[in-house]
Full PDB file with SEQRES, HELIX, SHEET, SSBOND, CRYST1, ORIGX, SCALE, CONECT and MASTER records, all heavy atoms in Angstrom:
SEQRES   1 A   41  ALA ASN ASP GLN ILE LEU ALA GLN SER ALA TYR SER ASP          
SEQRES   2 A   41  LYS PRO TYR ASP GLN SER TYR SER VAL LYS TYR TYR LEU          
SEQRES   3 A   41  ARG LYS THR ASP GLY GLY LEU LEU GLY ALA GLY CYS ASP          
SEQRES   4 A   41  ARG ASN                                                      
HELIX    1 AA1 LYS A   28  ASP A   30  5                                   3    
CRYST1    1.000    1.000    1.000  90.00  90.00  90.00 P 1           1          
ORIGX1      1.000000  0.000000  0.000000        0.00000                         
ORIGX2      0.000000  1.000000  0.000000        0.00000                         
ORIGX3      0.000000  0.000000  1.000000        0.00000                         
SCALE1      1.000000  0.000000  0.000000        0.00000                         
SCALE2      0.000000  1.000000  0.000000        0.00000                         
SCALE3      0.000000  0.000000  1.000000        0.00000                         
ATOM      1  N   ALA A   1      67.200  68.676 123.941  1.00  0.00           N  
ATOM      2  CA  ALA A   1      66.363  68.650 125.130  1.00  0.00           C  
ATOM      3  C   ALA A   1      65.531  67.421 125.238  1.00  0.00           C  
ATOM      4  O   ALA A   1      65.255  66.841 126.235  1.00  0.00           O  
ATOM      5  CB  ALA A   1      65.415  69.885 125.115  1.00  0.00           C  
ATOM      6  N   ASN A   2      65.028  66.935 124.108  1.00  0.00           N  
ATOM      7  CA  ASN A   2      64.202  65.706 124.187  1.00  0.00           C  
ATOM      8  C   ASN A   2      64.599  64.705 123.041  1.00  0.00           C  
ATOM      9  O   ASN A   2      63.771  63.865 122.731  1.00  0.00           O  
ATOM     10  CB  ASN A   2      62.745  66.037 124.142  1.00  0.00           C  
ATOM     11  CG  ASN A   2      62.408  66.873 122.849  1.00  0.00           C  
ATOM     12  OD1 ASN A   2      63.283  67.075 122.015  1.00  0.00           O  
ATOM     13  ND2 ASN A   2      61.174  67.271 122.838  1.00  0.00           N  
ATOM     14  N   ASP A   3      65.746  64.858 122.435  1.00  0.00           N  
ATOM     15  CA  ASP A   3      66.246  63.917 121.449  1.00  0.00           C  
ATOM     16  C   ASP A   3      65.309  63.711 120.265  1.00  0.00           C  
ATOM     17  O   ASP A   3      65.267  62.641 119.702  1.00  0.00           O  
ATOM     18  CB  ASP A   3      66.573  62.573 122.080  1.00  0.00           C  
ATOM     19  CG  ASP A   3      67.746  62.659 123.026  1.00  0.00           C  
ATOM     20  OD1 ASP A   3      68.598  63.544 122.800  1.00  0.00           O  
ATOM     21  OD2 ASP A   3      67.764  61.903 124.015  1.00  0.00           O  
ATOM     22  N   GLN A   4      64.538  64.787 119.950  1.00  0.00           N  
ATOM     23  CA  GLN A   4      63.667  64.693 118.778  1.00  0.00           C  
ATOM     24  C   GLN A   4      64.342  65.290 117.565  1.00  0.00           C  
ATOM     25  O   GLN A   4      65.083  66.212 117.703  1.00  0.00           O  
ATOM     26  CB  GLN A   4      62.346  65.395 118.999  1.00  0.00           C  
ATOM     27  CG  GLN A   4      61.381  64.695 119.952  1.00  0.00           C  
ATOM     28  CD  GLN A   4      60.066  65.346 120.015  1.00  0.00           C  
ATOM     29  OE1 GLN A   4      60.013  66.578 120.094  1.00  0.00           O  
ATOM     30  NE2 GLN A   4      58.960  64.601 119.974  1.00  0.00           N  
ATOM     31  N   ILE A   5      63.994  64.774 116.367  1.00  0.00           N  
ATOM     32  CA  ILE A   5      64.452  65.388 115.145  1.00  0.00           C  
ATOM     33  C   ILE A   5      63.240  65.835 114.418  1.00  0.00           C  
ATOM     34  O   ILE A   5      62.328  65.068 114.072  1.00  0.00           O  
ATOM     35  CB  ILE A   5      65.301  64.392 114.288  1.00  0.00           C  
ATOM     36  CG1 ILE A   5      66.539  64.053 115.027  1.00  0.00           C  
ATOM     37  CG2 ILE A   5      65.626  65.092 112.960  1.00  0.00           C  
ATOM     38  CD1 ILE A   5      67.389  63.017 114.319  1.00  0.00           C  
ATOM     39  N   LEU A   6      63.138  67.202 114.222  1.00  0.00           N  
ATOM     40  CA  LEU A   6      61.984  67.755 113.560  1.00  0.00           C  
ATOM     41  C   LEU A   6      62.458  68.651 112.410  1.00  0.00           C  
ATOM     42  O   LEU A   6      63.490  69.210 112.423  1.00  0.00           O  
ATOM     43  CB  LEU A   6      61.182  68.606 114.493  1.00  0.00           C  
ATOM     44  CG  LEU A   6      60.529  67.820 115.700  1.00  0.00           C  
ATOM     45  CD1 LEU A   6      59.880  68.802 116.623  1.00  0.00           C  
ATOM     46  CD2 LEU A   6      59.418  66.875 115.089  1.00  0.00           C  
ATOM     47  N   ALA A   7      61.605  68.729 111.398  1.00  0.00           N  
ATOM     48  CA  ALA A   7      61.946  69.574 110.223  1.00  0.00           C  
ATOM     49  C   ALA A   7      61.609  70.992 110.543  1.00  0.00           C  
ATOM     50  O   ALA A   7      60.511  71.289 110.937  1.00  0.00           O  
ATOM     51  CB  ALA A   7      61.081  69.100 108.997  1.00  0.00           C  
ATOM     52  N   GLN A   8      62.538  71.906 110.485  1.00  0.00           N  
ATOM     53  CA  GLN A   8      62.364  73.296 110.633  1.00  0.00           C  
ATOM     54  C   GLN A   8      63.060  74.026 109.427  1.00  0.00           C  
ATOM     55  O   GLN A   8      64.084  73.540 108.939  1.00  0.00           O  
ATOM     56  CB  GLN A   8      62.993  73.835 111.939  1.00  0.00           C  
ATOM     57  CG  GLN A   8      62.139  73.554 113.169  1.00  0.00           C  
ATOM     58  CD  GLN A   8      62.673  74.248 114.411  1.00  0.00           C  
ATOM     59  OE1 GLN A   8      63.912  74.148 114.655  1.00  0.00           O  
ATOM     60  NE2 GLN A   8      61.877  74.848 115.181  1.00  0.00           N  
ATOM     61  N   SER A   9      62.540  75.177 109.106  1.00  0.00           N  
ATOM     62  CA  SER A   9      63.202  75.985 108.096  1.00  0.00           C  
ATOM     63  C   SER A   9      64.487  76.503 108.646  1.00  0.00           C  
ATOM     64  O   SER A   9      64.635  76.764 109.812  1.00  0.00           O  
ATOM     65  CB  SER A   9      62.268  77.104 107.591  1.00  0.00           C  
ATOM     66  OG  SER A   9      61.152  76.514 106.973  1.00  0.00           O  
ATOM     67  N   ALA A  10      65.464  76.697 107.783  1.00  0.00           N  
ATOM     68  CA  ALA A  10      66.730  77.317 108.190  1.00  0.00           C  
ATOM     69  C   ALA A  10      67.166  78.277 107.149  1.00  0.00           C  
ATOM     70  O   ALA A  10      66.959  78.021 105.884  1.00  0.00           O  
ATOM     71  CB  ALA A  10      67.831  76.280 108.384  1.00  0.00           C  
ATOM     72  N   TYR A  11      67.777  79.354 107.512  1.00  0.00           N  
ATOM     73  CA  TYR A  11      68.251  80.399 106.609  1.00  0.00           C  
ATOM     74  C   TYR A  11      69.677  80.015 106.164  1.00  0.00           C  
ATOM     75  O   TYR A  11      70.571  79.713 106.904  1.00  0.00           O  
ATOM     76  CB  TYR A  11      68.276  81.757 107.306  1.00  0.00           C  
ATOM     77  CG  TYR A  11      68.988  82.826 106.566  1.00  0.00           C  
ATOM     78  CD1 TYR A  11      68.381  83.333 105.377  1.00  0.00           C  
ATOM     79  CD2 TYR A  11      70.214  83.315 107.027  1.00  0.00           C  
ATOM     80  CE1 TYR A  11      69.020  84.344 104.653  1.00  0.00           C  
ATOM     81  CE2 TYR A  11      70.828  84.369 106.289  1.00  0.00           C  
ATOM     82  CZ  TYR A  11      70.283  84.886 105.136  1.00  0.00           C  
ATOM     83  OH  TYR A  11      70.901  85.870 104.374  1.00  0.00           O  
ATOM     84  N   SER A  12      69.844  79.971 104.827  1.00  0.00           N  
ATOM     85  CA  SER A  12      71.163  79.741 104.213  1.00  0.00           C  
ATOM     86  C   SER A  12      71.916  81.046 104.156  1.00  0.00           C  
ATOM     87  O   SER A  12      71.535  81.934 103.463  1.00  0.00           O  
ATOM     88  CB  SER A  12      70.968  79.109 102.818  1.00  0.00           C  
ATOM     89  OG  SER A  12      72.202  78.838 102.232  1.00  0.00           O  
ATOM     90  N   ASP A  13      73.012  81.155 104.950  1.00  0.00           N  
ATOM     91  CA  ASP A  13      73.728  82.365 105.090  1.00  0.00           C  
ATOM     92  C   ASP A  13      74.615  82.771 103.907  1.00  0.00           C  
ATOM     93  O   ASP A  13      75.785  82.549 103.964  1.00  0.00           O  
ATOM     94  CB  ASP A  13      74.502  82.358 106.413  1.00  0.00           C  
ATOM     95  CG  ASP A  13      75.022  83.737 106.776  1.00  0.00           C  
ATOM     96  OD1 ASP A  13      74.594  84.724 106.249  1.00  0.00           O  
ATOM     97  OD2 ASP A  13      75.987  83.766 107.621  1.00  0.00           O  
ATOM     98  N   LYS A  14      73.936  83.254 102.917  1.00  0.00           N  
ATOM     99  CA  LYS A  14      74.695  83.797 101.747  1.00  0.00           C  
ATOM    100  C   LYS A  14      74.906  85.291 101.839  1.00  0.00           C  
ATOM    101  O   LYS A  14      74.186  85.964 102.608  1.00  0.00           O  
ATOM    102  CB  LYS A  14      73.927  83.442 100.489  1.00  0.00           C  
ATOM    103  CG  LYS A  14      73.792  81.934 100.268  1.00  0.00           C  
ATOM    104  CD  LYS A  14      72.932  81.672  98.997  1.00  0.00           C  
ATOM    105  CE  LYS A  14      72.767  80.141  98.795  1.00  0.00           C  
ATOM    106  NZ  LYS A  14      71.992  79.860  97.553  1.00  0.00           N  
ATOM    107  N   PRO A  15      75.815  85.860 101.126  1.00  0.00           N  
ATOM    108  CA  PRO A  15      76.063  87.310 101.223  1.00  0.00           C  
ATOM    109  C   PRO A  15      74.862  88.135 100.783  1.00  0.00           C  
ATOM    110  O   PRO A  15      74.101  87.757  99.835  1.00  0.00           O  
ATOM    111  CB  PRO A  15      77.235  87.531 100.277  1.00  0.00           C  
ATOM    112  CG  PRO A  15      77.929  86.188 100.164  1.00  0.00           C  
ATOM    113  CD  PRO A  15      76.863  85.179 100.251  1.00  0.00           C  
ATOM    114  N   TYR A  16      74.652  89.244 101.486  1.00  0.00           N  
ATOM    115  CA  TYR A  16      73.580  90.210 101.146  1.00  0.00           C  
ATOM    116  C   TYR A  16      74.265  91.552 101.118  1.00  0.00           C  
ATOM    117  O   TYR A  16      75.475  91.674 101.552  1.00  0.00           O  
ATOM    118  CB  TYR A  16      72.446  90.144 102.147  1.00  0.00           C  
ATOM    119  CG  TYR A  16      72.871  90.625 103.540  1.00  0.00           C  
ATOM    120  CD1 TYR A  16      72.679  91.948 103.940  1.00  0.00           C  
ATOM    121  CD2 TYR A  16      73.493  89.710 104.389  1.00  0.00           C  
ATOM    122  CE1 TYR A  16      73.101  92.365 105.233  1.00  0.00           C  
ATOM    123  CE2 TYR A  16      73.882  90.097 105.642  1.00  0.00           C  
ATOM    124  CZ  TYR A  16      73.735  91.428 106.037  1.00  0.00           C  
ATOM    125  OH  TYR A  16      74.129  91.828 107.300  1.00  0.00           O  
ATOM    126  N   ASP A  17      73.577  92.569 100.701  1.00  0.00           N  
ATOM    127  CA  ASP A  17      74.153  93.897 100.638  1.00  0.00           C  
ATOM    128  C   ASP A  17      73.953  94.635 101.965  1.00  0.00           C  
ATOM    129  O   ASP A  17      72.778  94.983 102.398  1.00  0.00           O  
ATOM    130  CB  ASP A  17      73.570  94.781  99.526  1.00  0.00           C  
ATOM    131  CG  ASP A  17      74.046  94.320  98.192  1.00  0.00           C  
ATOM    132  OD1 ASP A  17      75.104  93.687  98.098  1.00  0.00           O  
ATOM    133  OD2 ASP A  17      73.412  94.698  97.133  1.00  0.00           O  
ATOM    134  N   GLN A  18      75.054  94.929 102.669  1.00  0.00           N  
ATOM    135  CA  GLN A  18      74.997  95.618 103.977  1.00  0.00           C  
ATOM    136  C   GLN A  18      75.399  97.107 103.722  1.00  0.00           C  
ATOM    137  O   GLN A  18      76.418  97.358 103.233  1.00  0.00           O  
ATOM    138  CB  GLN A  18      75.988  95.027 104.970  1.00  0.00           C  
ATOM    139  CG  GLN A  18      76.054  95.732 106.314  1.00  0.00           C  
ATOM    140  CD  GLN A  18      74.759  95.664 107.073  1.00  0.00           C  
ATOM    141  OE1 GLN A  18      74.308  94.531 107.322  1.00  0.00           O  
ATOM    142  NE2 GLN A  18      74.259  96.722 107.507  1.00  0.00           N  
ATOM    143  N   SER A  19      74.503  98.010 104.131  1.00  0.00           N  
ATOM    144  CA  SER A  19      74.735  99.444 103.905  1.00  0.00           C  
ATOM    145  C   SER A  19      75.429 100.075 105.103  1.00  0.00           C  
ATOM    146  O   SER A  19      75.239  99.644 106.318  1.00  0.00           O  
ATOM    147  CB  SER A  19      73.422 100.178 103.651  1.00  0.00           C  
ATOM    148  OG  SER A  19      72.816  99.735 102.508  1.00  0.00           O  
ATOM    149  N   TYR A  20      76.247 101.055 104.827  1.00  0.00           N  
ATOM    150  CA  TYR A  20      76.851 101.893 105.909  1.00  0.00           C  
ATOM    151  C   TYR A  20      77.231 103.187 105.312  1.00  0.00           C  
ATOM    152  O   TYR A  20      77.138 103.444 104.085  1.00  0.00           O  
ATOM    153  CB  TYR A  20      78.083 101.187 106.453  1.00  0.00           C  
ATOM    154  CG  TYR A  20      79.237 100.950 105.473  1.00  0.00           C  
ATOM    155  CD1 TYR A  20      80.257 101.860 105.338  1.00  0.00           C  
ATOM    156  CD2 TYR A  20      79.198  99.822 104.653  1.00  0.00           C  
ATOM    157  CE1 TYR A  20      81.312 101.656 104.453  1.00  0.00           C  
ATOM    158  CE2 TYR A  20      80.211  99.665 103.697  1.00  0.00           C  
ATOM    159  CZ  TYR A  20      81.256 100.574 103.610  1.00  0.00           C  
ATOM    160  OH  TYR A  20      82.248 100.383 102.704  1.00  0.00           O  
ATOM    161  N   SER A  21      77.602 104.186 106.139  1.00  0.00           N  
ATOM    162  CA  SER A  21      77.843 105.513 105.659  1.00  0.00           C  
ATOM    163  C   SER A  21      79.230 105.967 106.182  1.00  0.00           C  
ATOM    164  O   SER A  21      79.619 105.734 107.304  1.00  0.00           O  
ATOM    165  CB  SER A  21      76.791 106.459 106.136  1.00  0.00           C  
ATOM    166  OG  SER A  21      77.071 107.773 105.731  1.00  0.00           O  
ATOM    167  N   VAL A  22      79.919 106.728 105.343  1.00  0.00           N  
ATOM    168  CA  VAL A  22      81.088 107.481 105.710  1.00  0.00           C  
ATOM    169  C   VAL A  22      80.792 108.933 105.505  1.00  0.00           C  
ATOM    170  O   VAL A  22      80.328 109.369 104.463  1.00  0.00           O  
ATOM    171  CB  VAL A  22      82.320 107.041 104.855  1.00  0.00           C  
ATOM    172  CG1 VAL A  22      83.544 107.881 105.257  1.00  0.00           C  
ATOM    173  CG2 VAL A  22      82.605 105.535 104.889  1.00  0.00           C  
ATOM    174  N   LYS A  23      81.009 109.693 106.570  1.00  0.00           N  
ATOM    175  CA  LYS A  23      80.618 111.116 106.575  1.00  0.00           C  
ATOM    176  C   LYS A  23      81.818 112.044 106.524  1.00  0.00           C  
ATOM    177  O   LYS A  23      82.854 111.773 107.175  1.00  0.00           O  
ATOM    178  CB  LYS A  23      79.726 111.436 107.807  1.00  0.00           C  
ATOM    179  CG  LYS A  23      78.417 110.701 107.845  1.00  0.00           C  
ATOM    180  CD  LYS A  23      77.728 110.693 109.215  1.00  0.00           C  
ATOM    181  CE  LYS A  23      78.555 109.801 110.141  1.00  0.00           C  
ATOM    182  NZ  LYS A  23      77.912 109.596 111.443  1.00  0.00           N  
ATOM    183  N   TYR A  24      81.633 113.166 105.773  1.00  0.00           N  
ATOM    184  CA  TYR A  24      82.667 114.148 105.673  1.00  0.00           C  
ATOM    185  C   TYR A  24      82.020 115.532 106.016  1.00  0.00           C  
ATOM    186  O   TYR A  24      81.128 115.967 105.290  1.00  0.00           O  
ATOM    187  CB  TYR A  24      83.330 114.251 104.332  1.00  0.00           C  
ATOM    188  CG  TYR A  24      83.946 112.888 103.931  1.00  0.00           C  
ATOM    189  CD1 TYR A  24      83.199 112.014 103.139  1.00  0.00           C  
ATOM    190  CD2 TYR A  24      85.244 112.613 104.277  1.00  0.00           C  
ATOM    191  CE1 TYR A  24      83.782 110.740 102.791  1.00  0.00           C  
ATOM    192  CE2 TYR A  24      85.788 111.382 103.893  1.00  0.00           C  
ATOM    193  CZ  TYR A  24      85.097 110.466 103.161  1.00  0.00           C  
ATOM    194  OH  TYR A  24      85.640 109.307 102.763  1.00  0.00           O  
ATOM    195  N   TYR A  25      82.506 116.201 107.091  1.00  0.00           N  
ATOM    196  CA  TYR A  25      81.827 117.393 107.514  1.00  0.00           C  
ATOM    197  C   TYR A  25      82.512 118.614 106.937  1.00  0.00           C  
ATOM    198  O   TYR A  25      83.726 118.661 106.792  1.00  0.00           O  
ATOM    199  CB  TYR A  25      81.856 117.515 109.053  1.00  0.00           C  
ATOM    200  CG  TYR A  25      80.920 116.546 109.731  1.00  0.00           C  
ATOM    201  CD1 TYR A  25      81.238 115.235 109.946  1.00  0.00           C  
ATOM    202  CD2 TYR A  25      79.620 116.965 110.073  1.00  0.00           C  
ATOM    203  CE1 TYR A  25      80.330 114.326 110.602  1.00  0.00           C  
ATOM    204  CE2 TYR A  25      78.736 116.074 110.743  1.00  0.00           C  
ATOM    205  CZ  TYR A  25      79.102 114.730 110.973  1.00  0.00           C  
ATOM    206  OH  TYR A  25      78.259 113.911 111.561  1.00  0.00           O  
ATOM    207  N   LEU A  26      81.687 119.601 106.638  1.00  0.00           N  
ATOM    208  CA  LEU A  26      82.160 120.905 106.200  1.00  0.00           C  
ATOM    209  C   LEU A  26      82.801 121.678 107.403  1.00  0.00           C  
ATOM    210  O   LEU A  26      82.308 121.617 108.487  1.00  0.00           O  
ATOM    211  CB  LEU A  26      80.992 121.748 105.649  1.00  0.00           C  
ATOM    212  CG  LEU A  26      80.733 121.703 104.161  1.00  0.00           C  
ATOM    213  CD1 LEU A  26      79.377 122.448 103.965  1.00  0.00           C  
ATOM    214  CD2 LEU A  26      81.778 122.308 103.281  1.00  0.00           C  
ATOM    215  N   ARG A  27      83.901 122.369 107.086  1.00  0.00           N  
ATOM    216  CA  ARG A  27      84.452 123.276 108.060  1.00  0.00           C  
ATOM    217  C   ARG A  27      83.588 124.576 108.096  1.00  0.00           C  
ATOM    218  O   ARG A  27      82.957 124.871 107.075  1.00  0.00           O  
ATOM    219  CB  ARG A  27      85.886 123.625 107.746  1.00  0.00           C  
ATOM    220  CG  ARG A  27      86.816 122.388 107.636  1.00  0.00           C  
ATOM    221  CD  ARG A  27      88.190 122.781 107.361  1.00  0.00           C  
ATOM    222  NE  ARG A  27      88.216 123.582 106.188  1.00  0.00           N  
ATOM    223  CZ  ARG A  27      89.329 124.279 105.771  1.00  0.00           C  
ATOM    224  NH1 ARG A  27      90.397 124.262 106.514  1.00  0.00           N  
ATOM    225  NH2 ARG A  27      89.252 125.065 104.635  1.00  0.00           N  
ATOM    226  N   LYS A  28      83.553 125.219 109.173  1.00  0.00           N  
ATOM    227  CA  LYS A  28      82.724 126.460 109.253  1.00  0.00           C  
ATOM    228  C   LYS A  28      83.122 127.511 108.269  1.00  0.00           C  
ATOM    229  O   LYS A  28      82.323 128.386 107.901  1.00  0.00           O  
ATOM    230  CB  LYS A  28      82.735 126.964 110.717  1.00  0.00           C  
ATOM    231  CG  LYS A  28      82.121 126.055 111.731  1.00  0.00           C  
ATOM    232  CD  LYS A  28      82.137 126.671 113.171  1.00  0.00           C  
ATOM    233  CE  LYS A  28      81.439 125.733 114.131  1.00  0.00           C  
ATOM    234  NZ  LYS A  28      81.518 126.272 115.518  1.00  0.00           N  
ATOM    235  N   THR A  29      84.385 127.488 107.901  1.00  0.00           N  
ATOM    236  CA  THR A  29      84.901 128.531 107.029  1.00  0.00           C  
ATOM    237  C   THR A  29      84.684 128.267 105.493  1.00  0.00           C  
ATOM    238  O   THR A  29      85.003 129.124 104.716  1.00  0.00           O  
ATOM    239  CB  THR A  29      86.491 128.679 107.234  1.00  0.00           C  
ATOM    240  OG1 THR A  29      87.037 127.392 106.951  1.00  0.00           O  
ATOM    241  CG2 THR A  29      86.756 129.131 108.650  1.00  0.00           C  
ATOM    242  N   ASP A  30      84.114 127.098 105.202  1.00  0.00           N  
ATOM    243  CA  ASP A  30      83.987 126.697 103.802  1.00  0.00           C  
ATOM    244  C   ASP A  30      82.663 127.123 103.069  1.00  0.00           C  
ATOM    245  O   ASP A  30      82.549 127.011 101.868  1.00  0.00           O  
ATOM    246  CB  ASP A  30      84.122 125.179 103.659  1.00  0.00           C  
ATOM    247  CG  ASP A  30      85.522 124.684 103.832  1.00  0.00           C  
ATOM    248  OD1 ASP A  30      86.474 125.505 103.470  1.00  0.00           O  
ATOM    249  OD2 ASP A  30      85.713 123.624 104.420  1.00  0.00           O  
ATOM    250  N   GLY A  31      81.712 127.662 103.798  1.00  0.00           N  
ATOM    251  CA  GLY A  31      80.514 128.063 103.198  1.00  0.00           C  
ATOM    252  C   GLY A  31      79.692 126.862 102.778  1.00  0.00           C  
ATOM    253  O   GLY A  31      80.014 125.718 103.174  1.00  0.00           O  
ATOM    254  N   GLY A  32      78.639 127.054 102.049  1.00  0.00           N  
ATOM    255  CA  GLY A  32      77.782 125.922 101.642  1.00  0.00           C  
ATOM    256  C   GLY A  32      78.243 125.187 100.420  1.00  0.00           C  
ATOM    257  O   GLY A  32      79.074 125.735  99.625  1.00  0.00           O  
ATOM    258  N   LEU A  33      77.826 123.916 100.299  1.00  0.00           N  
ATOM    259  CA  LEU A  33      78.181 123.124  99.123  1.00  0.00           C  
ATOM    260  C   LEU A  33      77.354 123.500  97.952  1.00  0.00           C  
ATOM    261  O   LEU A  33      76.155 123.589  97.994  1.00  0.00           O  
ATOM    262  CB  LEU A  33      78.093 121.658  99.419  1.00  0.00           C  
ATOM    263  CG  LEU A  33      79.153 121.038 100.413  1.00  0.00           C  
ATOM    264  CD1 LEU A  33      78.839 119.599 100.644  1.00  0.00           C  
ATOM    265  CD2 LEU A  33      80.509 121.243  99.910  1.00  0.00           C  
ATOM    266  N   LEU A  34      78.015 123.610  96.772  1.00  0.00           N  
ATOM    267  CA  LEU A  34      77.327 123.874  95.576  1.00  0.00           C  
ATOM    268  C   LEU A  34      77.165 122.678  94.701  1.00  0.00           C  
ATOM    269  O   LEU A  34      76.302 122.657  93.737  1.00  0.00           O  
ATOM    270  CB  LEU A  34      78.057 124.971  94.740  1.00  0.00           C  
ATOM    271  CG  LEU A  34      78.309 126.254  95.537  1.00  0.00           C  
ATOM    272  CD1 LEU A  34      79.168 127.214  94.630  1.00  0.00           C  
ATOM    273  CD2 LEU A  34      77.023 126.940  95.896  1.00  0.00           C  
ATOM    274  N   GLY A  35      77.871 121.625  94.938  1.00  0.00           N  
ATOM    275  CA  GLY A  35      77.810 120.409  94.114  1.00  0.00           C  
ATOM    276  C   GLY A  35      78.959 119.458  94.426  1.00  0.00           C  
ATOM    277  O   GLY A  35      79.876 119.822  95.207  1.00  0.00           O  
ATOM    278  N   ALA A  36      78.837 118.283  93.902  1.00  0.00           N  
ATOM    279  CA  ALA A  36      79.859 117.291  94.180  1.00  0.00           C  
ATOM    280  C   ALA A  36      79.950 116.312  92.915  1.00  0.00           C  
ATOM    281  O   ALA A  36      78.926 116.203  92.193  1.00  0.00           O  
ATOM    282  CB  ALA A  36      79.588 116.475  95.403  1.00  0.00           C  
ATOM    283  N   GLY A  37      81.060 115.640  92.740  1.00  0.00           N  
ATOM    284  CA  GLY A  37      81.207 114.747  91.632  1.00  0.00           C  
ATOM    285  C   GLY A  37      82.296 113.717  91.874  1.00  0.00           C  
ATOM    286  O   GLY A  37      83.092 113.902  92.839  1.00  0.00           O  
ATOM    287  N   CYS A  38      82.283 112.675  91.073  1.00  0.00           N  
ATOM    288  CA  CYS A  38      83.289 111.638  91.184  1.00  0.00           C  
ATOM    289  C   CYS A  38      83.652 111.188  89.805  1.00  0.00           C  
ATOM    290  O   CYS A  38      82.796 110.933  88.959  1.00  0.00           O  
ATOM    291  CB  CYS A  38      82.770 110.428  92.008  1.00  0.00           C  
ATOM    292  SG  CYS A  38      83.841 109.051  92.044  1.00  0.00           S  
ATOM    293  N   ASP A  39      85.016 111.040  89.528  1.00  0.00           N  
ATOM    294  CA  ASP A  39      85.377 110.619  88.224  1.00  0.00           C  
ATOM    295  C   ASP A  39      85.654 109.146  88.115  1.00  0.00           C  
ATOM    296  O   ASP A  39      85.519 108.402  89.110  1.00  0.00           O  
ATOM    297  CB  ASP A  39      86.626 111.444  87.697  1.00  0.00           C  
ATOM    298  CG  ASP A  39      87.909 111.132  88.494  1.00  0.00           C  
ATOM    299  OD1 ASP A  39      87.918 110.177  89.262  1.00  0.00           O  
ATOM    300  OD2 ASP A  39      88.917 111.816  88.225  1.00  0.00           O  
ATOM    301  N   ARG A  40      86.082 108.683  86.973  1.00  0.00           N  
ATOM    302  CA  ARG A  40      86.320 107.257  86.745  1.00  0.00           C  
ATOM    303  C   ARG A  40      87.391 106.677  87.565  1.00  0.00           C  
ATOM    304  O   ARG A  40      87.497 105.416  87.779  1.00  0.00           O  
ATOM    305  CB  ARG A  40      86.595 106.959  85.271  1.00  0.00           C  
ATOM    306  CG  ARG A  40      87.856 107.670  84.791  1.00  0.00           C  
ATOM    307  CD  ARG A  40      88.063 107.389  83.233  1.00  0.00           C  
ATOM    308  NE  ARG A  40      88.302 105.983  83.001  1.00  0.00           N  
ATOM    309  CZ  ARG A  40      89.523 105.437  83.040  1.00  0.00           C  
ATOM    310  NH1 ARG A  40      90.620 106.198  83.345  1.00  0.00           N  
ATOM    311  NH2 ARG A  40      89.707 104.146  82.816  1.00  0.00           N  
ATOM    312  N   ASN A  41      88.264 107.475  88.177  1.00  0.00           N  
ATOM    313  CA  ASN A  41      89.306 107.040  89.066  1.00  0.00           C  
ATOM    314  C   ASN A  41      88.934 106.946  90.495  1.00  0.00           C  
ATOM    315  O   ASN A  41      89.704 106.607  91.410  1.00  0.00           O  
ATOM    316  CB  ASN A  41      90.543 107.922  88.929  1.00  0.00           C  
ATOM    317  CG  ASN A  41      91.087 107.942  87.500  1.00  0.00           C  
ATOM    318  OD1 ASN A  41      91.281 106.945  86.907  1.00  0.00           O  
ATOM    319  ND2 ASN A  41      91.304 109.155  86.942  1.00  0.00           N  
TER     320      ASN A  41                                                      
MASTER        0    0    0    1    0    0    0    6  319    1    0    4          
END                                                                             
């Protein structure tokens, strides 16, 4: 706009942790959940 060069801070775009969710719904016939787990596989 005016051919000036000025010092401004800039963000260095390195990876960060982005969260998101995957949802699994119960069927009406399954009753309530009593627990959940995940093994080494």
